[in-house]
Amino acid sequence: MVDRFGDWLGRRGLVTWERRAGNATMLTVTNVWPHSANPAYGPFIKRSVDGLIAAGMESDVLFIRGYRGLRAYVCAALLLGMLGLRRRYALVHAHGGETALVGRLYLGGHVVASYLGSDLLAPPDGGWRTS
C-alpha cells in the first residue's frame, strides 16, 4: 500500500522518490532537488547525498515538490507516517523548515533537520510574508 501511494504521488508530481536503495539506512527528505524543469534547484543537497553514498552510507531520497503547494507537504506527511510503520530507517535527514515539520512525522527512527537560508534569516527582498 505504501509503494502504491508513493507511485500515485509521483505520477501527480507532488512527491517523488529520487533515489531508492534496497539497503538504505538513511532517508533524505527535501523540498529542493535538481530536476528536469530546474536542474539548478538544490544541487548542494544532491552533492551531500552523493558524498554520503561515496563514503558508504546509502540514502533514499524523497523529494517533496513544495513549489506545487501545500498539498505536496500534506501528501508527503501521510507517506512518511505510513513509511514509519513499515520501513525502519536509522536516520531521517530533512532539509528545510517545512520539510522538517513533515520529516518529524516519521516515527520509525531519529530525525535531524538542516535549515536553509530564509528558514532562519529574513529573505533579502524585505521580509517574510505576513498575510
N, C-alpha and C. Protein backbone atom coordinates (compact mmCIF):
# COMPACT_ATOMS: atom_id res chain seq x y z
N MET A 1 0.81 -1.19 0.00
CA MET A 1 0.00 0.00 0.00
C MET A 1 0.86 1.27 0.00
N VAL A 2 1.95 1.26 0.77
CA VAL A 2 2.85 2.42 0.82
C VAL A 2 3.45 2.66 -0.55
N ASP A 3 3.91 1.59 -1.21
CA ASP A 3 4.52 1.75 -2.53
C ASP A 3 3.52 2.28 -3.55
N ARG A 4 2.30 1.79 -3.50
CA ARG A 4 1.27 2.26 -4.45
C ARG A 4 0.96 3.73 -4.21
N PHE A 5 0.86 4.12 -2.93
CA PHE A 5 0.60 5.52 -2.61
C PHE A 5 1.75 6.40 -3.09
N GLY A 6 2.99 5.97 -2.86
CA GLY A 6 4.16 6.72 -3.33
C GLY A 6 4.17 6.85 -4.84
N ASP A 7 3.83 5.76 -5.55
CA ASP A 7 3.77 5.81 -7.01
C ASP A 7 2.69 6.79 -7.48
N TRP A 8 1.55 6.77 -6.80
CA TRP A 8 0.44 7.67 -7.14
C TRP A 8 0.87 9.12 -6.97
N LEU A 9 1.57 9.43 -5.87
CA LEU A 9 2.06 10.79 -5.63
C LEU A 9 3.05 11.21 -6.70
N GLY A 10 3.91 10.28 -7.10
CA GLY A 10 4.89 10.57 -8.15
C GLY A 10 4.24 10.88 -9.48
N ARG A 11 3.21 10.12 -9.84
CA ARG A 11 2.51 10.37 -11.10
C ARG A 11 1.84 11.75 -11.11
N ARG A 12 1.46 12.22 -9.95
CA ARG A 12 0.83 13.54 -9.84
C ARG A 12 1.86 14.66 -9.66
N GLY A 13 3.12 14.29 -9.55
CA GLY A 13 4.19 15.28 -9.45
C GLY A 13 4.20 16.03 -8.12
N LEU A 14 3.75 15.37 -7.05
CA LEU A 14 3.73 16.01 -5.74
C LEU A 14 4.93 15.60 -4.89
N VAL A 15 5.20 14.32 -4.85
CA VAL A 15 6.30 13.76 -4.06
C VAL A 15 6.91 12.65 -4.90
N THR A 16 8.23 12.70 -5.08
CA THR A 16 8.87 11.68 -5.91
C THR A 16 10.07 11.07 -5.19
N TRP A 17 10.29 9.79 -5.46
CA TRP A 17 11.50 9.12 -5.00
C TRP A 17 12.59 9.42 -6.01
N GLU A 18 13.62 10.11 -5.58
CA GLU A 18 14.74 10.43 -6.47
C GLU A 18 15.83 9.37 -6.39
N ARG A 19 15.89 8.66 -5.29
CA ARG A 19 16.82 7.54 -5.11
C ARG A 19 16.15 6.51 -4.24
N ARG A 20 16.32 5.25 -4.61
CA ARG A 20 15.87 4.13 -3.78
C ARG A 20 16.99 3.10 -3.76
N ALA A 21 17.42 2.74 -2.59
CA ALA A 21 18.45 1.71 -2.44
C ALA A 21 17.90 0.67 -1.47
N GLY A 22 17.97 -0.58 -1.83
CA GLY A 22 17.43 -1.63 -1.00
C GLY A 22 18.04 -1.70 0.39
N ASN A 23 19.27 -1.24 0.52
CA ASN A 23 19.97 -1.34 1.80
C ASN A 23 20.14 0.02 2.50
N ALA A 24 19.35 1.02 2.13
CA ALA A 24 19.50 2.36 2.70
C ALA A 24 19.14 2.36 4.19
N THR A 25 19.99 2.99 4.98
CA THR A 25 19.73 3.15 6.41
C THR A 25 19.32 4.58 6.73
N MET A 26 19.39 5.45 5.72
CA MET A 26 19.05 6.85 5.90
C MET A 26 18.05 7.27 4.83
N LEU A 27 17.14 8.15 5.22
CA LEU A 27 16.19 8.75 4.29
C LEU A 27 16.44 10.25 4.28
N THR A 28 16.71 10.80 3.12
CA THR A 28 16.84 12.23 2.95
C THR A 28 15.51 12.75 2.43
N VAL A 29 14.92 13.70 3.14
CA VAL A 29 13.67 14.32 2.72
C VAL A 29 13.97 15.78 2.44
N THR A 30 13.63 16.23 1.23
CA THR A 30 13.98 17.59 0.83
C THR A 30 12.90 18.20 -0.04
N ASN A 31 12.84 19.52 -0.03
CA ASN A 31 11.95 20.21 -0.96
C ASN A 31 12.75 20.98 -2.02
N VAL A 32 14.03 20.70 -2.08
CA VAL A 32 14.88 21.23 -3.16
C VAL A 32 15.77 20.10 -3.68
N TRP A 33 15.66 19.83 -4.96
CA TRP A 33 16.44 18.76 -5.59
C TRP A 33 16.48 19.06 -7.09
N PRO A 34 17.62 18.90 -7.73
CA PRO A 34 17.67 19.15 -9.18
C PRO A 34 16.69 18.24 -9.93
N HIS A 35 15.95 18.83 -10.87
CA HIS A 35 15.02 18.04 -11.68
C HIS A 35 14.97 18.62 -13.08
N SER A 36 14.29 17.95 -13.99
CA SER A 36 14.34 18.34 -15.40
C SER A 36 13.88 19.77 -15.65
N ALA A 37 12.88 20.26 -14.92
CA ALA A 37 12.40 21.62 -15.12
C ALA A 37 13.34 22.66 -14.51
N ASN A 38 14.16 22.25 -13.55
CA ASN A 38 15.08 23.19 -12.89
C ASN A 38 16.30 22.42 -12.38
N PRO A 39 17.26 22.16 -13.26
CA PRO A 39 18.44 21.38 -12.86
C PRO A 39 19.34 22.08 -11.84
N ALA A 40 19.15 23.37 -11.61
CA ALA A 40 19.95 24.11 -10.64
C ALA A 40 19.23 24.27 -9.31
N TYR A 41 18.21 23.47 -9.08
CA TYR A 41 17.38 23.57 -7.88
C TYR A 41 17.93 22.63 -6.80
N GLY A 42 18.78 23.14 -5.93
CA GLY A 42 19.30 22.37 -4.80
C GLY A 42 20.42 21.41 -5.10
N PRO A 43 21.39 21.77 -5.96
CA PRO A 43 22.48 20.83 -6.23
C PRO A 43 23.33 20.55 -5.00
N PHE A 44 23.36 21.47 -4.03
CA PHE A 44 24.16 21.27 -2.83
C PHE A 44 23.63 20.10 -2.00
N ILE A 45 22.34 19.87 -2.01
CA ILE A 45 21.79 18.73 -1.29
C ILE A 45 22.13 17.44 -2.02
N LYS A 46 22.03 17.45 -3.34
CA LYS A 46 22.40 16.27 -4.12
C LYS A 46 23.87 15.92 -3.89
N ARG A 47 24.74 16.93 -3.86
CA ARG A 47 26.17 16.68 -3.61
C ARG A 47 26.39 16.09 -2.22
N SER A 48 25.63 16.55 -1.23
CA SER A 48 25.74 15.98 0.12
C SER A 48 25.38 14.51 0.13
N VAL A 49 24.27 14.17 -0.52
CA VAL A 49 23.83 12.78 -0.58
C VAL A 49 24.85 11.94 -1.34
N ASP A 50 25.33 12.47 -2.47
CA ASP A 50 26.35 11.74 -3.24
C ASP A 50 27.60 11.48 -2.40
N GLY A 51 27.99 12.46 -1.58
CA GLY A 51 29.16 12.30 -0.71
C GLY A 51 28.95 11.23 0.34
N LEU A 52 27.77 11.19 0.93
CA LEU A 52 27.47 10.15 1.92
C LEU A 52 27.50 8.77 1.29
N ILE A 53 26.93 8.67 0.09
CA ILE A 53 26.92 7.38 -0.61
C ILE A 53 28.35 6.96 -0.94
N ALA A 54 29.18 7.90 -1.39
CA ALA A 54 30.58 7.59 -1.69
C ALA A 54 31.33 7.12 -0.45
N ALA A 55 30.90 7.61 0.72
CA ALA A 55 31.54 7.21 1.98
C ALA A 55 30.96 5.91 2.53
N GLY A 56 29.97 5.35 1.83
CA GLY A 56 29.43 4.05 2.23
C GLY A 56 28.09 4.09 2.95
N MET A 57 27.47 5.26 3.06
CA MET A 57 26.16 5.34 3.72
C MET A 57 25.08 5.54 2.68
N GLU A 58 24.33 4.49 2.40
CA GLU A 58 23.27 4.56 1.41
C GLU A 58 22.10 5.39 1.92
N SER A 59 21.52 6.17 1.03
CA SER A 59 20.39 7.01 1.40
C SER A 59 19.32 6.97 0.32
N ASP A 60 18.08 6.78 0.72
CA ASP A 60 16.95 7.01 -0.17
C ASP A 60 16.68 8.51 -0.15
N VAL A 61 16.12 9.05 -1.23
CA VAL A 61 15.83 10.48 -1.30
C VAL A 61 14.37 10.67 -1.70
N LEU A 62 13.64 11.38 -0.86
CA LEU A 62 12.25 11.72 -1.11
C LEU A 62 12.18 13.22 -1.37
N PHE A 63 11.72 13.59 -2.56
CA PHE A 63 11.65 14.99 -2.97
C PHE A 63 10.20 15.46 -2.87
N ILE A 64 9.95 16.36 -1.93
CA ILE A 64 8.63 16.97 -1.79
C ILE A 64 8.62 18.18 -2.71
N ARG A 65 7.79 18.16 -3.69
CA ARG A 65 7.73 19.25 -4.66
C ARG A 65 6.83 20.36 -4.12
N GLY A 66 7.37 21.02 -3.10
CA GLY A 66 6.63 22.05 -2.38
C GLY A 66 6.21 23.22 -3.23
N TYR A 67 6.88 23.45 -4.35
CA TYR A 67 6.50 24.53 -5.25
C TYR A 67 5.12 24.28 -5.85
N ARG A 68 4.60 23.07 -5.71
CA ARG A 68 3.25 22.74 -6.18
C ARG A 68 2.17 23.06 -5.16
N GLY A 69 2.59 23.49 -3.96
CA GLY A 69 1.62 23.92 -2.96
C GLY A 69 1.58 23.05 -1.72
N LEU A 70 0.74 23.45 -0.80
CA LEU A 70 0.58 22.79 0.49
C LEU A 70 0.21 21.31 0.35
N ARG A 71 -0.53 20.99 -0.69
CA ARG A 71 -0.96 19.60 -0.92
C ARG A 71 0.22 18.64 -0.98
N ALA A 72 1.34 19.07 -1.55
CA ALA A 72 2.53 18.21 -1.63
C ALA A 72 3.04 17.87 -0.23
N TYR A 73 3.04 18.83 0.67
CA TYR A 73 3.51 18.59 2.04
C TYR A 73 2.56 17.67 2.81
N VAL A 74 1.27 17.87 2.63
CA VAL A 74 0.29 17.02 3.30
C VAL A 74 0.42 15.57 2.83
N CYS A 75 0.56 15.39 1.53
CA CYS A 75 0.73 14.04 0.98
C CYS A 75 2.03 13.41 1.46
N ALA A 76 3.10 14.19 1.51
CA ALA A 76 4.39 13.67 2.00
C ALA A 76 4.27 13.27 3.46
N ALA A 77 3.55 14.06 4.25
CA ALA A 77 3.36 13.72 5.67
C ALA A 77 2.65 12.38 5.80
N LEU A 78 1.63 12.15 5.00
CA LEU A 78 0.93 10.86 5.04
C LEU A 78 1.87 9.72 4.64
N LEU A 79 2.64 9.94 3.60
CA LEU A 79 3.57 8.91 3.14
C LEU A 79 4.62 8.59 4.20
N LEU A 80 5.18 9.62 4.84
CA LEU A 80 6.19 9.39 5.87
C LEU A 80 5.59 8.69 7.09
N GLY A 81 4.37 9.04 7.45
CA GLY A 81 3.70 8.34 8.54
C GLY A 81 3.54 6.86 8.23
N MET A 82 3.15 6.55 7.01
CA MET A 82 2.99 5.15 6.59
C MET A 82 4.34 4.45 6.55
N LEU A 83 5.38 5.14 6.06
CA LEU A 83 6.72 4.55 5.99
C LEU A 83 7.24 4.20 7.37
N GLY A 84 6.96 5.04 8.35
CA GLY A 84 7.43 4.80 9.71
C GLY A 84 6.87 3.53 10.31
N LEU A 85 5.73 3.11 9.82
CA LEU A 85 5.13 1.87 10.31
C LEU A 85 5.72 0.65 9.61
N ARG A 86 6.29 0.84 8.42
CA ARG A 86 6.73 -0.29 7.62
C ARG A 86 8.25 -0.39 7.49
N ARG A 87 8.91 0.70 7.20
CA ARG A 87 10.34 0.70 6.90
C ARG A 87 11.09 1.34 8.03
N ARG A 88 12.17 0.78 8.42
CA ARG A 88 12.95 1.33 9.53
C ARG A 88 14.24 1.95 9.04
N TYR A 89 14.24 3.26 8.87
CA TYR A 89 15.47 3.99 8.61
C TYR A 89 16.07 4.35 9.96
N ALA A 90 17.36 4.26 10.10
CA ALA A 90 18.02 4.66 11.34
C ALA A 90 17.98 6.18 11.50
N LEU A 91 17.97 6.89 10.37
CA LEU A 91 18.01 8.35 10.40
C LEU A 91 17.22 8.92 9.24
N VAL A 92 16.43 9.94 9.53
CA VAL A 92 15.76 10.74 8.51
C VAL A 92 16.38 12.13 8.57
N HIS A 93 16.93 12.58 7.45
CA HIS A 93 17.54 13.92 7.39
C HIS A 93 16.64 14.80 6.53
N ALA A 94 16.00 15.76 7.17
CA ALA A 94 15.08 16.68 6.49
C ALA A 94 15.80 17.99 6.21
N HIS A 95 15.69 18.46 4.97
CA HIS A 95 16.31 19.72 4.55
C HIS A 95 15.24 20.77 4.36
N GLY A 96 15.26 21.81 5.17
CA GLY A 96 14.32 22.92 5.03
C GLY A 96 13.27 22.92 6.12
N GLY A 97 12.77 24.10 6.44
CA GLY A 97 11.81 24.27 7.54
C GLY A 97 10.53 23.49 7.38
N GLU A 98 9.85 23.67 6.24
CA GLU A 98 8.60 22.95 6.02
C GLU A 98 8.84 21.45 5.97
N THR A 99 9.94 21.08 5.35
CA THR A 99 10.29 19.67 5.23
C THR A 99 10.60 19.06 6.59
N ALA A 100 11.20 19.84 7.48
CA ALA A 100 11.49 19.34 8.83
C ALA A 100 10.21 19.01 9.58
N LEU A 101 9.18 19.81 9.39
CA LEU A 101 7.89 19.52 10.03
C LEU A 101 7.32 18.20 9.52
N VAL A 102 7.40 18.00 8.21
CA VAL A 102 6.92 16.75 7.62
C VAL A 102 7.78 15.58 8.09
N GLY A 103 9.10 15.76 8.06
CA GLY A 103 10.01 14.69 8.46
C GLY A 103 9.79 14.22 9.89
N ARG A 104 9.36 15.14 10.74
CA ARG A 104 9.12 14.78 12.14
C ARG A 104 8.00 13.76 12.30
N LEU A 105 7.18 13.61 11.29
CA LEU A 105 6.08 12.64 11.35
C LEU A 105 6.57 11.20 11.15
N TYR A 106 7.83 11.05 10.76
CA TYR A 106 8.40 9.71 10.65
C TYR A 106 8.73 9.24 12.06
N LEU A 107 8.08 8.19 12.51
CA LEU A 107 8.24 7.73 13.89
C LEU A 107 9.13 6.51 14.03
N GLY A 108 9.71 6.04 12.93
CA GLY A 108 10.48 4.82 12.99
C GLY A 108 11.96 4.98 13.31
N GLY A 109 12.44 6.21 13.51
CA GLY A 109 13.86 6.41 13.76
C GLY A 109 14.14 7.86 14.13
N HIS A 110 15.41 8.19 14.20
CA HIS A 110 15.82 9.55 14.55
C HIS A 110 15.60 10.49 13.37
N VAL A 111 15.27 11.74 13.67
CA VAL A 111 15.08 12.76 12.64
C VAL A 111 15.99 13.93 12.94
N VAL A 112 16.71 14.38 11.93
CA VAL A 112 17.59 15.54 12.05
C VAL A 112 17.15 16.56 11.00
N ALA A 113 17.21 17.83 11.31
CA ALA A 113 16.79 18.87 10.37
C ALA A 113 17.95 19.80 10.06
N SER A 114 18.09 20.14 8.80
CA SER A 114 19.04 21.16 8.35
C SER A 114 18.22 22.30 7.77
N TYR A 115 18.36 23.47 8.35
CA TYR A 115 17.60 24.62 7.87
C TYR A 115 18.39 25.34 6.80
N LEU A 116 17.68 25.93 5.87
CA LEU A 116 18.31 26.56 4.71
C LEU A 116 18.00 28.05 4.68
N GLY A 117 18.99 28.89 4.47
CA GLY A 117 18.84 30.32 4.23
C GLY A 117 17.68 31.00 4.91
N SER A 118 16.62 31.23 4.17
CA SER A 118 15.50 32.02 4.67
C SER A 118 14.65 31.29 5.71
N ASP A 119 14.96 30.03 6.01
CA ASP A 119 14.28 29.36 7.12
C ASP A 119 14.61 30.05 8.43
N LEU A 120 15.81 30.60 8.52
CA LEU A 120 16.26 31.26 9.74
C LEU A 120 16.49 32.76 9.58
N LEU A 121 16.80 33.19 8.37
CA LEU A 121 17.10 34.60 8.12
C LEU A 121 16.03 35.18 7.20
N ALA A 122 15.68 36.43 7.40
CA ALA A 122 14.70 37.07 6.54
C ALA A 122 15.19 37.10 5.10
N PRO A 123 14.31 36.86 4.15
CA PRO A 123 14.72 36.95 2.73
C PRO A 123 15.21 38.35 2.39
N PRO A 124 16.14 38.47 1.45
CA PRO A 124 16.72 39.77 1.12
C PRO A 124 15.73 40.73 0.47
N ASP A 125 14.58 40.25 0.02
CA ASP A 125 13.62 41.13 -0.66
C ASP A 125 12.73 41.92 0.29
N GLY A 126 13.02 41.90 1.60
CA GLY A 126 12.27 42.76 2.51
C GLY A 126 11.55 42.06 3.62
N GLY A 127 11.59 40.78 3.69
CA GLY A 127 10.96 40.12 4.84
C GLY A 127 10.04 38.98 4.43
N TRP A 128 9.51 38.33 5.45
CA TRP A 128 8.61 37.22 5.23
C TRP A 128 7.21 37.73 4.95
N ARG A 129 6.41 36.87 4.34
CA ARG A 129 5.00 37.21 4.14
C ARG A 129 4.31 37.27 5.50
N THR A 130 3.45 38.23 5.68
CA THR A 130 2.73 38.35 6.95
C THR A 130 1.23 38.15 6.76
N SER A 131 0.79 37.95 5.55
CA SER A 131 -0.65 37.75 5.34
C SER A 131 -0.94 36.38 4.81
